[in-house]
């Protein structure tokens, strides 16, 4: 029996990333939260101010015997545009940056290799930040599993639902 590992990704609004990874076989826990900034115990209101330097992220616990970190990277890079600096679509600010907070040197090397492999597919440079994980703060309870709890909310139905549908089609062999 293998030990669970952690992966932490930021790619715009955490509701989108959270919604997709909850569907993946081998992902045993998904927690929306904040990381990378300089404010202790930030709140969503703090993050939205753009002054904390935290990013909206999702931290995954996963079984590497079921889903590899490389497969999670593949999924992550299909969920957002890694060439947009400090934004995803209309979500603008450093809190929406593309970032991988790595938990080991092995994750760093795999992320660097994945970015190098993907770069030729993009006209613009991939700007995904690679930083060692420091402190991760859980987001407020209402942010956890937001999409599944609020499917008819405007942002969820217009922005997240199509992204999740596309994700489910592409990765159907990897879903629960």
N, C-alpha and C. Protein backbone atom coordinates (compact mmCIF):
# COMPACT_ATOMS: atom_id res chain seq x y z
N UNK A 1 0.85 -1.18 0.00
CA UNK A 1 0.00 0.00 0.00
C UNK A 1 0.89 1.24 0.00
N UNK A 2 0.67 2.11 -0.94
CA UNK A 2 1.52 3.30 -1.04
C UNK A 2 0.98 4.41 -0.15
N UNK A 3 1.88 5.32 0.18
CA UNK A 3 1.47 6.48 0.94
C UNK A 3 0.91 7.52 -0.01
N UNK A 4 -0.05 8.25 0.49
CA UNK A 4 -0.62 9.33 -0.29
C UNK A 4 0.40 10.44 -0.47
N UNK A 5 0.33 11.12 -1.60
CA UNK A 5 1.18 12.27 -1.86
C UNK A 5 0.31 13.50 -2.04
N UNK A 6 0.94 14.67 -1.99
CA UNK A 6 0.22 15.92 -2.18
C UNK A 6 0.68 16.60 -3.46
N UNK A 7 -0.24 17.31 -4.08
CA UNK A 7 0.05 18.17 -5.23
C UNK A 7 -0.75 19.45 -5.00
N UNK A 8 -0.16 20.60 -5.35
CA UNK A 8 -0.85 21.87 -5.15
C UNK A 8 -0.76 22.69 -6.43
N UNK A 9 -1.93 23.02 -7.00
CA UNK A 9 -2.01 23.71 -8.28
C UNK A 9 -2.89 24.95 -8.18
N UNK A 10 -2.47 26.01 -8.87
CA UNK A 10 -3.30 27.20 -9.03
C UNK A 10 -3.41 27.51 -10.51
N UNK A 11 -4.63 27.67 -10.97
CA UNK A 11 -4.85 27.96 -12.38
C UNK A 11 -6.11 28.78 -12.58
N UNK A 12 -6.16 29.93 -11.93
CA UNK A 12 -7.36 30.75 -12.00
C UNK A 12 -8.24 30.48 -10.81
N UNK A 13 -9.53 30.62 -10.99
CA UNK A 13 -10.50 30.40 -9.92
C UNK A 13 -10.40 28.96 -9.42
N UNK A 14 -10.26 28.80 -8.11
CA UNK A 14 -10.08 27.45 -7.59
C UNK A 14 -11.33 26.59 -7.73
N UNK A 15 -12.49 27.18 -7.91
CA UNK A 15 -13.70 26.39 -8.08
C UNK A 15 -13.59 25.47 -9.31
N UNK A 16 -12.96 25.96 -10.38
CA UNK A 16 -12.83 25.17 -11.61
C UNK A 16 -11.89 23.99 -11.42
N UNK A 17 -10.74 24.26 -10.83
CA UNK A 17 -9.75 23.21 -10.63
C UNK A 17 -10.28 22.16 -9.66
N UNK A 18 -10.90 22.63 -8.58
CA UNK A 18 -11.51 21.76 -7.57
C UNK A 18 -12.51 20.82 -8.22
N UNK A 19 -13.42 21.38 -9.03
CA UNK A 19 -14.49 20.59 -9.65
C UNK A 19 -13.94 19.46 -10.50
N UNK A 20 -12.91 19.72 -11.26
CA UNK A 20 -12.34 18.70 -12.15
C UNK A 20 -11.63 17.60 -11.36
N UNK A 21 -10.76 17.98 -10.45
CA UNK A 21 -9.95 16.98 -9.75
C UNK A 21 -10.76 16.10 -8.80
N UNK A 22 -11.93 16.55 -8.37
CA UNK A 22 -12.78 15.70 -7.52
C UNK A 22 -13.27 14.47 -8.27
N UNK A 23 -13.19 14.50 -9.58
CA UNK A 23 -13.70 13.41 -10.40
C UNK A 23 -12.64 12.36 -10.75
N UNK A 24 -11.40 12.57 -10.35
CA UNK A 24 -10.27 11.75 -10.79
C UNK A 24 -10.04 10.56 -9.86
N UNK A 25 -9.97 9.37 -10.46
CA UNK A 25 -9.61 8.17 -9.71
C UNK A 25 -8.22 8.35 -9.11
N UNK A 26 -8.08 8.00 -7.87
CA UNK A 26 -6.79 8.10 -7.19
C UNK A 26 -6.61 9.40 -6.43
N UNK A 27 -7.43 10.40 -6.72
CA UNK A 27 -7.41 11.63 -5.93
C UNK A 27 -8.34 11.38 -4.75
N UNK A 28 -7.78 11.37 -3.56
CA UNK A 28 -8.53 10.98 -2.37
C UNK A 28 -9.06 12.17 -1.58
N UNK A 29 -8.49 13.35 -1.81
CA UNK A 29 -8.98 14.55 -1.14
C UNK A 29 -8.65 15.77 -1.99
N UNK A 30 -9.57 16.71 -2.03
CA UNK A 30 -9.39 17.96 -2.76
C UNK A 30 -9.75 19.09 -1.80
N UNK A 31 -8.82 20.02 -1.61
CA UNK A 31 -9.07 21.15 -0.72
C UNK A 31 -8.72 22.44 -1.43
N UNK A 32 -9.71 23.32 -1.56
CA UNK A 32 -9.46 24.65 -2.11
C UNK A 32 -8.83 25.50 -1.01
N UNK A 33 -7.86 26.34 -1.42
CA UNK A 33 -7.20 27.16 -0.42
C UNK A 33 -6.33 28.23 -1.02
N UNK A 34 -5.40 28.71 -0.20
CA UNK A 34 -4.53 29.82 -0.56
C UNK A 34 -3.09 29.46 -0.21
N UNK A 35 -2.17 29.88 -1.08
CA UNK A 35 -0.75 29.64 -0.80
C UNK A 35 0.09 30.66 -1.55
N UNK A 36 1.32 30.82 -1.09
CA UNK A 36 2.31 31.63 -1.79
C UNK A 36 2.39 33.07 -1.38
N UNK A 37 1.61 33.48 -0.41
CA UNK A 37 1.60 34.89 -0.05
C UNK A 37 2.26 35.19 1.28
N UNK A 38 2.02 36.40 1.75
CA UNK A 38 2.68 36.86 2.97
C UNK A 38 1.70 37.23 4.08
N UNK A 39 0.43 36.92 3.91
CA UNK A 39 -0.58 37.21 4.94
C UNK A 39 -0.89 35.92 5.68
N UNK A 40 -0.82 35.97 7.01
CA UNK A 40 -1.16 34.81 7.82
C UNK A 40 -2.67 34.63 7.87
N UNK A 41 -3.12 33.39 7.74
CA UNK A 41 -4.54 33.05 7.84
C UNK A 41 -5.42 33.95 6.97
N UNK A 42 -5.14 34.02 5.67
CA UNK A 42 -5.92 34.91 4.81
C UNK A 42 -7.36 34.43 4.65
N UNK A 43 -8.22 35.37 4.40
CA UNK A 43 -9.62 35.08 4.08
C UNK A 43 -9.81 35.32 2.58
N UNK A 44 -10.95 34.90 2.08
CA UNK A 44 -11.27 35.15 0.67
C UNK A 44 -11.29 36.65 0.39
N UNK A 45 -11.83 37.42 1.32
CA UNK A 45 -11.86 38.87 1.16
C UNK A 45 -10.44 39.42 1.07
N UNK A 46 -9.53 38.90 1.90
CA UNK A 46 -8.12 39.32 1.84
C UNK A 46 -7.53 39.01 0.47
N UNK A 47 -7.77 37.80 -0.01
CA UNK A 47 -7.21 37.34 -1.29
C UNK A 47 -7.71 38.23 -2.43
N UNK A 48 -9.00 38.55 -2.40
CA UNK A 48 -9.60 39.36 -3.48
C UNK A 48 -9.06 40.79 -3.50
N UNK A 49 -8.45 41.23 -2.41
CA UNK A 49 -7.88 42.58 -2.38
C UNK A 49 -6.66 42.69 -3.29
N UNK A 50 -6.04 41.53 -3.59
CA UNK A 50 -4.85 41.52 -4.43
C UNK A 50 -3.59 41.95 -3.71
N UNK A 51 -3.65 42.11 -2.40
CA UNK A 51 -2.49 42.60 -1.65
C UNK A 51 -1.77 41.52 -0.86
N UNK A 52 -2.27 40.30 -0.85
CA UNK A 52 -1.69 39.25 -0.01
C UNK A 52 -0.59 38.45 -0.71
N UNK A 53 -0.57 38.50 -2.03
CA UNK A 53 0.31 37.71 -2.89
C UNK A 53 -0.01 36.21 -2.84
N UNK A 54 -1.07 35.82 -2.17
CA UNK A 54 -1.50 34.42 -2.20
C UNK A 54 -2.19 34.13 -3.53
N UNK A 55 -2.11 32.90 -3.94
CA UNK A 55 -2.85 32.43 -5.12
C UNK A 55 -3.99 31.54 -4.65
N UNK A 56 -5.09 31.56 -5.40
CA UNK A 56 -6.14 30.57 -5.18
C UNK A 56 -5.60 29.25 -5.72
N UNK A 57 -5.56 28.23 -4.87
CA UNK A 57 -5.00 26.94 -5.25
C UNK A 57 -5.90 25.81 -4.80
N UNK A 58 -5.61 24.64 -5.32
CA UNK A 58 -6.26 23.42 -4.89
C UNK A 58 -5.16 22.45 -4.50
N UNK A 59 -5.28 21.91 -3.28
CA UNK A 59 -4.32 20.91 -2.83
C UNK A 59 -4.98 19.54 -2.89
N UNK A 60 -4.30 18.62 -3.57
CA UNK A 60 -4.80 17.27 -3.77
C UNK A 60 -4.00 16.28 -2.95
N UNK A 61 -4.68 15.34 -2.35
CA UNK A 61 -4.04 14.14 -1.82
C UNK A 61 -4.34 13.07 -2.87
N UNK A 62 -3.30 12.34 -3.28
CA UNK A 62 -3.52 11.35 -4.33
C UNK A 62 -2.67 10.11 -4.10
N UNK A 63 -3.15 9.00 -4.65
CA UNK A 63 -2.45 7.73 -4.59
C UNK A 63 -1.66 7.59 -5.89
N UNK A 64 -0.32 7.68 -5.83
CA UNK A 64 0.48 7.63 -7.06
C UNK A 64 0.43 6.27 -7.77
N UNK A 65 -0.09 5.24 -7.10
CA UNK A 65 -0.26 3.95 -7.77
C UNK A 65 -1.51 3.93 -8.64
N UNK A 66 -2.39 4.92 -8.44
CA UNK A 66 -3.62 4.99 -9.22
C UNK A 66 -3.53 6.11 -10.26
N UNK A 67 -3.01 7.26 -9.85
CA UNK A 67 -2.84 8.39 -10.76
C UNK A 67 -1.48 9.03 -10.49
N UNK A 68 -0.69 9.14 -11.52
CA UNK A 68 0.66 9.69 -11.36
C UNK A 68 0.65 11.22 -11.29
N UNK A 69 1.69 11.78 -10.73
CA UNK A 69 1.85 13.23 -10.73
C UNK A 69 1.91 13.74 -12.16
N UNK A 70 2.53 12.99 -13.06
CA UNK A 70 2.60 13.40 -14.46
C UNK A 70 1.20 13.51 -15.08
N UNK A 71 0.31 12.56 -14.76
CA UNK A 71 -1.06 12.61 -15.27
C UNK A 71 -1.79 13.81 -14.68
N UNK A 72 -1.55 14.09 -13.40
CA UNK A 72 -2.17 15.27 -12.77
C UNK A 72 -1.68 16.55 -13.45
N UNK A 73 -0.40 16.60 -13.82
CA UNK A 73 0.12 17.76 -14.56
C UNK A 73 -0.57 17.90 -15.90
N UNK A 74 -0.75 16.79 -16.60
CA UNK A 74 -1.44 16.82 -17.89
C UNK A 74 -2.85 17.39 -17.72
N UNK A 75 -3.53 16.94 -16.69
CA UNK A 75 -4.88 17.43 -16.41
C UNK A 75 -4.86 18.92 -16.06
N UNK A 76 -3.96 19.31 -15.19
CA UNK A 76 -3.84 20.70 -14.76
C UNK A 76 -3.66 21.64 -15.95
N UNK A 77 -2.78 21.27 -16.86
CA UNK A 77 -2.49 22.16 -17.99
C UNK A 77 -3.61 22.21 -19.02
N UNK A 78 -4.58 21.28 -18.95
CA UNK A 78 -5.74 21.37 -19.83
C UNK A 78 -6.86 22.21 -19.21
N UNK A 79 -6.74 22.50 -17.92
CA UNK A 79 -7.80 23.22 -17.22
C UNK A 79 -7.67 24.73 -17.25
N UNK A 80 -6.54 25.22 -17.74
CA UNK A 80 -6.35 26.68 -17.77
C UNK A 80 -5.35 27.03 -18.87
N UNK A 81 -5.19 28.32 -19.11
CA UNK A 81 -4.23 28.81 -20.10
C UNK A 81 -2.95 29.22 -19.37
N UNK A 82 -1.90 28.41 -19.44
CA UNK A 82 -0.68 28.70 -18.69
C UNK A 82 0.15 29.84 -19.28
N UNK A 83 -0.33 30.46 -20.35
CA UNK A 83 0.41 31.59 -20.94
C UNK A 83 -0.13 32.94 -20.47
N UNK A 84 -1.19 32.93 -19.69
CA UNK A 84 -1.76 34.18 -19.19
C UNK A 84 -1.13 34.52 -17.83
N UNK A 85 -0.51 35.68 -17.74
CA UNK A 85 0.16 36.10 -16.52
C UNK A 85 -0.84 36.79 -15.59
N UNK A 86 -0.95 36.25 -14.38
CA UNK A 86 -1.78 36.85 -13.33
C UNK A 86 -3.24 37.04 -13.73
N UNK A 87 -3.75 36.04 -14.44
CA UNK A 87 -5.15 36.08 -14.83
C UNK A 87 -5.56 34.76 -15.46
N UNK A 88 -6.85 34.54 -15.52
CA UNK A 88 -7.46 33.51 -16.35
C UNK A 88 -8.75 34.12 -16.86
N UNK A 89 -8.78 34.43 -18.13
CA UNK A 89 -9.96 35.06 -18.71
C UNK A 89 -10.25 36.38 -18.04
N UNK A 90 -11.48 36.53 -17.53
CA UNK A 90 -11.88 37.76 -16.87
C UNK A 90 -11.48 37.83 -15.40
N UNK A 91 -10.93 36.74 -14.87
CA UNK A 91 -10.43 36.75 -13.49
C UNK A 91 -9.01 37.30 -13.53
N UNK A 92 -8.83 38.51 -13.02
CA UNK A 92 -7.56 39.21 -13.15
C UNK A 92 -6.98 39.51 -11.77
N UNK A 93 -5.69 39.24 -11.62
CA UNK A 93 -4.97 39.53 -10.38
C UNK A 93 -3.99 38.41 -10.08
N UNK A 94 -3.02 38.70 -9.23
CA UNK A 94 -2.01 37.70 -8.90
C UNK A 94 -2.61 36.47 -8.24
N UNK A 95 -3.77 36.61 -7.63
CA UNK A 95 -4.40 35.46 -6.97
C UNK A 95 -4.88 34.42 -7.99
N UNK A 96 -4.93 34.80 -9.27
CA UNK A 96 -5.38 33.88 -10.32
C UNK A 96 -4.22 33.36 -11.17
N UNK A 97 -3.00 33.52 -10.70
CA UNK A 97 -1.84 33.12 -11.50
C UNK A 97 -1.77 31.60 -11.66
N UNK A 98 -1.08 31.22 -12.71
CA UNK A 98 -0.78 29.81 -12.97
C UNK A 98 0.43 29.44 -12.13
N UNK A 99 0.27 28.46 -11.26
CA UNK A 99 1.36 28.11 -10.34
C UNK A 99 1.28 26.64 -9.94
N UNK A 100 2.45 26.06 -9.80
CA UNK A 100 2.57 24.72 -9.22
C UNK A 100 3.44 24.89 -7.98
N UNK A 101 2.87 24.56 -6.83
CA UNK A 101 3.66 24.54 -5.59
C UNK A 101 4.10 23.09 -5.39
N UNK A 102 5.37 22.86 -5.65
CA UNK A 102 5.86 21.48 -5.61
C UNK A 102 6.19 21.07 -4.17
N UNK A 103 6.03 19.77 -3.92
CA UNK A 103 6.23 19.19 -2.60
C UNK A 103 7.51 18.39 -2.49
N UNK A 104 8.24 18.27 -3.59
CA UNK A 104 9.50 17.51 -3.59
C UNK A 104 10.33 17.93 -4.80
N UNK A 105 11.60 17.60 -4.76
CA UNK A 105 12.46 17.86 -5.92
C UNK A 105 11.98 17.06 -7.13
N UNK A 106 11.46 15.87 -6.88
CA UNK A 106 10.95 15.05 -7.99
C UNK A 106 9.78 15.75 -8.67
N UNK A 107 8.87 16.34 -7.90
CA UNK A 107 7.75 17.07 -8.51
C UNK A 107 8.26 18.28 -9.29
N UNK A 108 9.25 18.97 -8.76
CA UNK A 108 9.82 20.12 -9.48
C UNK A 108 10.37 19.68 -10.83
N UNK A 109 11.15 18.62 -10.85
CA UNK A 109 11.75 18.14 -12.10
C UNK A 109 10.68 17.70 -13.09
N UNK A 110 9.65 17.01 -12.60
CA UNK A 110 8.57 16.57 -13.49
C UNK A 110 7.81 17.77 -14.06
N UNK A 111 7.58 18.78 -13.24
CA UNK A 111 6.88 19.98 -13.71
C UNK A 111 7.72 20.73 -14.74
N UNK A 112 9.01 20.86 -14.49
CA UNK A 112 9.90 21.53 -15.46
C UNK A 112 9.90 20.79 -16.79
N UNK A 113 10.00 19.47 -16.73
CA UNK A 113 10.01 18.66 -17.96
C UNK A 113 8.67 18.77 -18.69
N UNK A 114 7.58 18.79 -17.95
CA UNK A 114 6.25 18.88 -18.57
C UNK A 114 6.08 20.21 -19.28
N UNK A 115 6.52 21.28 -18.63
CA UNK A 115 6.43 22.61 -19.25
C UNK A 115 7.28 22.66 -20.53
N UNK A 116 8.48 22.12 -20.46
CA UNK A 116 9.36 22.11 -21.64
C UNK A 116 8.72 21.32 -22.78
N UNK A 117 8.06 20.23 -22.45
CA UNK A 117 7.39 19.41 -23.47
C UNK A 117 6.19 20.15 -24.07
N UNK A 118 5.46 20.89 -23.25
CA UNK A 118 4.25 21.59 -23.71
C UNK A 118 4.53 22.88 -24.47
N UNK A 119 5.63 23.54 -24.16
CA UNK A 119 5.88 24.88 -24.71
C UNK A 119 5.71 24.97 -26.23
N UNK A 120 6.19 23.99 -27.01
CA UNK A 120 6.01 24.10 -28.47
C UNK A 120 4.55 24.14 -28.92
N UNK A 121 3.62 23.72 -28.07
CA UNK A 121 2.20 23.74 -28.42
C UNK A 121 1.58 25.13 -28.27
N UNK A 122 2.33 26.06 -27.66
CA UNK A 122 1.81 27.40 -27.40
C UNK A 122 2.62 28.44 -28.16
N UNK A 123 1.92 29.43 -28.67
CA UNK A 123 2.59 30.53 -29.36
C UNK A 123 3.29 31.44 -28.36
N UNK A 124 2.65 31.68 -27.21
CA UNK A 124 3.21 32.54 -26.16
C UNK A 124 3.94 31.69 -25.12
N UNK A 125 4.85 32.29 -24.38
CA UNK A 125 5.57 31.53 -23.36
C UNK A 125 4.66 31.06 -22.23
N UNK A 126 4.91 29.88 -21.73
CA UNK A 126 4.23 29.39 -20.54
C UNK A 126 4.80 30.17 -19.35
N UNK A 127 3.92 30.77 -18.56
CA UNK A 127 4.35 31.60 -17.44
C UNK A 127 4.04 30.96 -16.09
N UNK A 128 3.76 29.69 -16.09
CA UNK A 128 3.44 29.00 -14.85
C UNK A 128 4.60 29.10 -13.87
N UNK A 129 4.29 29.63 -12.69
CA UNK A 129 5.28 29.76 -11.63
C UNK A 129 5.52 28.39 -11.00
N UNK A 130 6.76 28.08 -10.70
CA UNK A 130 7.12 26.87 -9.97
C UNK A 130 7.77 27.32 -8.67
N UNK A 131 7.12 27.01 -7.55
CA UNK A 131 7.63 27.41 -6.24
C UNK A 131 7.44 26.27 -5.26
N UNK A 132 8.38 26.17 -4.34
CA UNK A 132 8.25 25.16 -3.29
C UNK A 132 7.09 25.53 -2.38
N UNK A 133 6.30 24.53 -2.01
CA UNK A 133 5.16 24.79 -1.13
C UNK A 133 5.68 25.28 0.22
N UNK A 134 5.00 26.28 0.73
CA UNK A 134 5.31 26.76 2.06
C UNK A 134 4.07 26.46 2.90
N UNK A 135 3.31 27.45 3.22
CA UNK A 135 2.11 27.25 4.02
C UNK A 135 0.88 27.21 3.10
N UNK A 136 0.03 26.27 3.37
CA UNK A 136 -1.25 26.15 2.66
C UNK A 136 -2.35 26.45 3.66
N UNK A 137 -3.25 27.33 3.27
CA UNK A 137 -4.39 27.68 4.12
C UNK A 137 -5.67 27.19 3.45
N UNK A 138 -6.48 26.45 4.17
CA UNK A 138 -7.78 26.04 3.65
C UNK A 138 -8.63 27.27 3.39
N UNK A 139 -9.34 27.26 2.28
CA UNK A 139 -10.33 28.31 2.02
C UNK A 139 -11.55 28.05 2.91
N UNK A 140 -12.40 29.04 2.98
CA UNK A 140 -13.60 28.91 3.77
C UNK A 140 -14.44 27.72 3.29
N UNK A 141 -15.23 27.18 4.23
CA UNK A 141 -15.99 25.96 3.96
C UNK A 141 -16.86 26.07 2.70
N UNK A 142 -17.46 27.23 2.46
CA UNK A 142 -18.37 27.34 1.32
C UNK A 142 -17.64 27.26 -0.03
N UNK A 143 -16.31 27.40 -0.04
CA UNK A 143 -15.55 27.26 -1.29
C UNK A 143 -15.25 25.80 -1.63
N UNK A 144 -15.36 24.92 -0.64
CA UNK A 144 -15.03 23.50 -0.87
C UNK A 144 -16.16 22.85 -1.69
N UNK A 145 -15.78 22.21 -2.79
CA UNK A 145 -16.74 21.53 -3.66
C UNK A 145 -17.83 22.50 -4.15
N UNK A 146 -17.43 23.72 -4.41
CA UNK A 146 -18.38 24.79 -4.75
C UNK A 146 -19.23 24.45 -5.97
N UNK A 147 -18.61 23.95 -7.01
CA UNK A 147 -19.35 23.67 -8.24
C UNK A 147 -20.45 22.64 -8.03
N UNK A 148 -20.13 21.52 -7.39
CA UNK A 148 -21.15 20.48 -7.19
C UNK A 148 -22.25 20.95 -6.25
N UNK A 149 -21.91 21.83 -5.31
CA UNK A 149 -22.91 22.35 -4.37
C UNK A 149 -23.75 23.47 -4.96
N UNK A 150 -23.27 24.11 -6.04
CA UNK A 150 -23.95 25.28 -6.62
C UNK A 150 -24.00 25.22 -8.15
N UNK A 151 -24.46 24.12 -8.73
CA UNK A 151 -24.38 23.96 -10.20
C UNK A 151 -25.17 25.00 -10.98
N UNK A 152 -26.18 25.58 -10.39
CA UNK A 152 -27.02 26.55 -11.11
C UNK A 152 -26.59 27.99 -10.89
N UNK A 153 -25.58 28.20 -10.07
CA UNK A 153 -25.05 29.55 -9.87
C UNK A 153 -24.48 30.00 -11.21
N UNK A 154 -24.61 31.28 -11.55
CA UNK A 154 -24.24 31.78 -12.87
C UNK A 154 -22.83 31.42 -13.31
N UNK A 155 -21.83 31.72 -12.50
CA UNK A 155 -20.44 31.43 -12.86
C UNK A 155 -20.25 29.94 -13.08
N UNK A 156 -20.89 29.13 -12.22
CA UNK A 156 -20.74 27.68 -12.35
C UNK A 156 -21.32 27.17 -13.66
N UNK A 157 -22.52 27.61 -14.00
CA UNK A 157 -23.17 27.09 -15.21
C UNK A 157 -22.54 27.62 -16.48
N UNK A 158 -22.06 28.86 -16.46
CA UNK A 158 -21.49 29.46 -17.67
C UNK A 158 -20.01 29.12 -17.86
N UNK A 159 -19.24 29.18 -16.78
CA UNK A 159 -17.79 29.02 -16.90
C UNK A 159 -17.28 27.62 -16.55
N UNK A 160 -17.78 27.08 -15.45
CA UNK A 160 -17.20 25.82 -14.95
C UNK A 160 -17.80 24.60 -15.64
N UNK A 161 -19.10 24.57 -15.82
CA UNK A 161 -19.74 23.38 -16.41
C UNK A 161 -19.14 22.98 -17.75
N UNK A 162 -18.95 23.92 -18.70
CA UNK A 162 -18.34 23.51 -19.97
C UNK A 162 -16.91 23.00 -19.80
N UNK A 163 -16.16 23.61 -18.89
CA UNK A 163 -14.78 23.19 -18.66
C UNK A 163 -14.74 21.77 -18.07
N UNK A 164 -15.65 21.50 -17.13
CA UNK A 164 -15.72 20.16 -16.53
C UNK A 164 -16.16 19.13 -17.57
N UNK A 165 -17.12 19.48 -18.41
CA UNK A 165 -17.58 18.56 -19.45
C UNK A 165 -16.44 18.20 -20.41
N UNK A 166 -15.68 19.20 -20.81
CA UNK A 166 -14.54 18.96 -21.70
C UNK A 166 -13.49 18.09 -21.00
N UNK A 167 -13.23 18.37 -19.73
CA UNK A 167 -12.29 17.60 -18.92
C UNK A 167 -12.74 16.14 -18.83
N UNK A 168 -14.03 15.94 -18.54
CA UNK A 168 -14.56 14.58 -18.42
C UNK A 168 -14.45 13.81 -19.73
N UNK A 169 -14.65 14.48 -20.84
CA UNK A 169 -14.53 13.82 -22.14
C UNK A 169 -13.08 13.41 -22.40
N UNK A 170 -12.15 14.32 -22.14
CA UNK A 170 -10.75 14.05 -22.42
C UNK A 170 -10.14 12.98 -21.51
N UNK A 171 -10.55 12.99 -20.25
CA UNK A 171 -9.92 12.10 -19.27
C UNK A 171 -10.87 11.02 -18.73
N UNK A 172 -11.84 10.63 -19.53
CA UNK A 172 -12.86 9.69 -19.03
C UNK A 172 -12.29 8.39 -18.48
N UNK A 173 -11.17 7.94 -19.02
CA UNK A 173 -10.56 6.70 -18.51
C UNK A 173 -9.96 6.87 -17.12
N UNK A 174 -9.77 8.11 -16.70
CA UNK A 174 -9.16 8.40 -15.41
C UNK A 174 -10.16 8.85 -14.35
N UNK A 175 -11.45 8.80 -14.67
CA UNK A 175 -12.45 9.32 -13.75
C UNK A 175 -13.09 8.23 -12.90
N UNK A 176 -13.60 8.67 -11.75
CA UNK A 176 -14.29 7.76 -10.82
C UNK A 176 -15.58 7.28 -11.42
